[in-house]
C-alpha atoms as a PDB file:
ATOM      1  CA  MET A   1       0.074  -0.199   0.020  1.00  0.00           C
ATOM      2  CA  THR A   2       1.668   3.319  -1.166  1.00  0.00           C
ATOM      3  CA  THR A   3       0.847   6.545   1.032  1.00  0.00           C
ATOM      4  CA  SER A   4       0.726  10.112  -0.388  1.00  0.00           C
ATOM      5  CA  VAL A   5       3.556  12.287   0.982  1.00  0.00           C
ATOM      6  CA  ASN A   6       1.099  14.301   3.000  1.00  0.00           C
ATOM      7  CA  GLU A   7       0.392  11.102   5.156  1.00  0.00           C
ATOM      8  CA  ARG A   8       4.186  10.154   5.082  1.00  0.00           C
ATOM      9  CA  HIS A   9       4.631  13.707   6.781  1.00  0.00           C
ATOM     10  CA  ALA A  10       2.065  13.093   8.878  1.00  0.00           C
ATOM     11  CA  ARG A  11       3.375   9.971  10.218  1.00  0.00           C
ATOM     12  CA  ILE A  12       6.560  11.051  10.558  1.00  0.00           C
ATOM     13  CA  LYS A  13       5.575  14.006  12.515  1.00  0.00           C
ATOM     14  CA  GLU A  14       3.680  11.431  15.093  1.00  0.00           C
ATOM     15  CA  LEU A  15       6.857   9.165  15.398  1.00  0.00           C
ATOM     16  CA  VAL A  16       9.175  12.400  16.164  1.00  0.00           C
ATOM     17  CA  CYS A  17       6.521  13.426  18.491  1.00  0.00           C
ATOM     18  CA  GLU A  18       6.386  10.070  20.380  1.00  0.00           C
ATOM     19  CA  VAL A  19       9.969  10.009  20.456  1.00  0.00           C
ATOM     20  CA  LEU A  20      10.420  13.473  21.822  1.00  0.00           C
ATOM     21  CA  GLU A  21       7.664  13.142  24.094  1.00  0.00           C
ATOM     22  CA  LEU A  22       5.552  16.122  22.952  1.00  0.00           C
ATOM     23  CA  ASP A  23       1.848  16.965  21.914  1.00  0.00           C
ATOM     24  CA  GLN A  24       2.135  17.242  17.886  1.00  0.00           C
ATOM     25  CA  GLY A  25       1.080  20.928  18.238  1.00  0.00           C
ATOM     26  CA  GLU A  26       4.024  21.971  20.120  1.00  0.00           C
ATOM     27  CA  VAL A  27       6.409  20.799  17.160  1.00  0.00           C
ATOM     28  CA  THR A  28       5.961  22.778  13.894  1.00  0.00           C
ATOM     29  CA  ASP A  29       7.718  22.013  10.825  1.00  0.00           C
ATOM     30  CA  THR A  30      10.607  24.625  11.533  1.00  0.00           C
ATOM     31  CA  SER A  31      11.210  24.014  15.149  1.00  0.00           C
ATOM     32  CA  LEU A  32      14.513  23.078  16.349  1.00  0.00           C
ATOM     33  CA  PHE A  33      14.407  19.670  17.793  1.00  0.00           C
ATOM     34  CA  ILE A  34      17.870  20.652  20.082  1.00  0.00           C
ATOM     35  CA  GLU A  35      17.054  24.118  20.491  1.00  0.00           C
ATOM     36  CA  ASP A  36      13.201  23.972  21.099  1.00  0.00           C
ATOM     37  CA  HIS A  37      12.569  20.887  22.094  1.00  0.00           C
ATOM     38  CA  GLU A  38      15.954  20.008  24.183  1.00  0.00           C
ATOM     39  CA  ALA A  39      16.489  17.051  22.624  1.00  0.00           C
ATOM     40  CA  ASP A  40      19.581  15.369  22.469  1.00  0.00           C
ATOM     41  CA  SER A  41      21.662  13.068  20.066  1.00  0.00           C
ATOM     42  CA  LEU A  42      20.636   9.696  21.444  1.00  0.00           C
ATOM     43  CA  ARG A  43      16.946  11.163  20.561  1.00  0.00           C
ATOM     44  CA  ALA A  44      18.060  11.978  16.948  1.00  0.00           C
ATOM     45  CA  ILE A  45      19.094   8.206  16.989  1.00  0.00           C
ATOM     46  CA  GLU A  46      15.780   6.860  18.208  1.00  0.00           C
ATOM     47  CA  ILE A  47      14.104   8.996  15.605  1.00  0.00           C
ATOM     48  CA  LEU A  48      16.489   7.707  13.005  1.00  0.00           C
ATOM     49  CA  ALA A  49      15.933   4.092  13.819  1.00  0.00           C
ATOM     50  CA  SER A  50      11.882   4.702  14.174  1.00  0.00           C
ATOM     51  CA  LEU A  51      11.999   6.283  10.359  1.00  0.00           C
ATOM     52  CA  GLU A  52      13.761   2.953   9.187  1.00  0.00           C
ATOM     53  CA  LYS A  53      11.629   0.705  11.021  1.00  0.00           C
ATOM     54  CA  GLU A  54       8.265   2.395  10.093  1.00  0.00           C
ATOM     55  CA  PHE A  55       9.266   3.067   6.227  1.00  0.00           C
ATOM     56  CA  GLY A  56      11.546  -0.090   5.584  1.00  0.00           C
ATOM     57  CA  ILE A  57      14.434   2.242   4.703  1.00  0.00           C
ATOM     58  CA  THR A  58      17.976   2.552   5.470  1.00  0.00           C
ATOM     59  CA  ILE A  59      19.244   5.959   6.410  1.00  0.00           C
ATOM     60  CA  ASP A  60      23.058   6.506   6.570  1.00  0.00           C
ATOM     61  CA  GLN A  61      24.245   7.698   9.552  1.00  0.00           C
ATOM     62  CA  SER A  62      26.205  10.564   8.207  1.00  0.00           C
ATOM     63  CA  GLU A  63      22.290  12.498   7.949  1.00  0.00           C
ATOM     64  CA  LEU A  64      22.174  12.374  11.946  1.00  0.00           C
ATOM     65  CA  PRO A  65      23.302  16.455  12.089  1.00  0.00           C
ATOM     66  CA  ARG A  66      20.638  16.867   9.472  1.00  0.00           C
ATOM     67  CA  LEU A  67      18.139  15.911  10.946  1.00  0.00           C
ATOM     68  CA  VAL A  68      17.529  18.980  13.155  1.00  0.00           C
ATOM     69  CA  ASN A  69      13.643  19.448  12.390  1.00  0.00           C
ATOM     70  CA  LEU A  70      10.704  18.345  10.791  1.00  0.00           C
ATOM     71  CA  GLU A  71      11.376  19.689   7.292  1.00  0.00           C
ATOM     72  CA  SER A  72      14.896  17.808   6.997  1.00  0.00           C
ATOM     73  CA  VAL A  73      13.518  14.757   8.394  1.00  0.00           C
ATOM     74  CA  TYR A  74      10.797  15.102   5.503  1.00  0.00           C
ATOM     75  CA  THR A  75      13.591  15.667   2.826  1.00  0.00           C
ATOM     76  CA  VAL A  76      15.630  13.015   4.266  1.00  0.00           C
ATOM     77  CA  VAL A  77      12.945  10.353   4.260  1.00  0.00           C
ATOM     78  CA  ASP A  78      11.625  11.593   0.694  1.00  0.00           C
ATOM     79  CA  ARG A  79      14.829  11.211  -0.698  1.00  0.00           C
ATOM     80  CA  GLU A  80      15.313   7.734   0.402  1.00  0.00           C
ATOM     81  CA  MET A  81      12.092   6.505  -0.623  1.00  0.00           C
ATOM     82  CA  GLY A  82      12.299   8.113  -3.990  1.00  0.00           C
END
């Protein structure tokens, strides 16, 4: 079953909010995980692992520094999914 980009982005936001233990209303596409939500590098690794499991993709560890907000996560996942 294929999902639309909007559905995928909604699921990504859900996953990120679960890992960061935040309500979806607290996280915008541009709010920064570390600066705005006090996430640490371990949370970034958890986000990456959750995305890989959910979407059946592999994200290179070198992408971790790019996973700073939802916009960047959308970009990385969209690229990996083609």
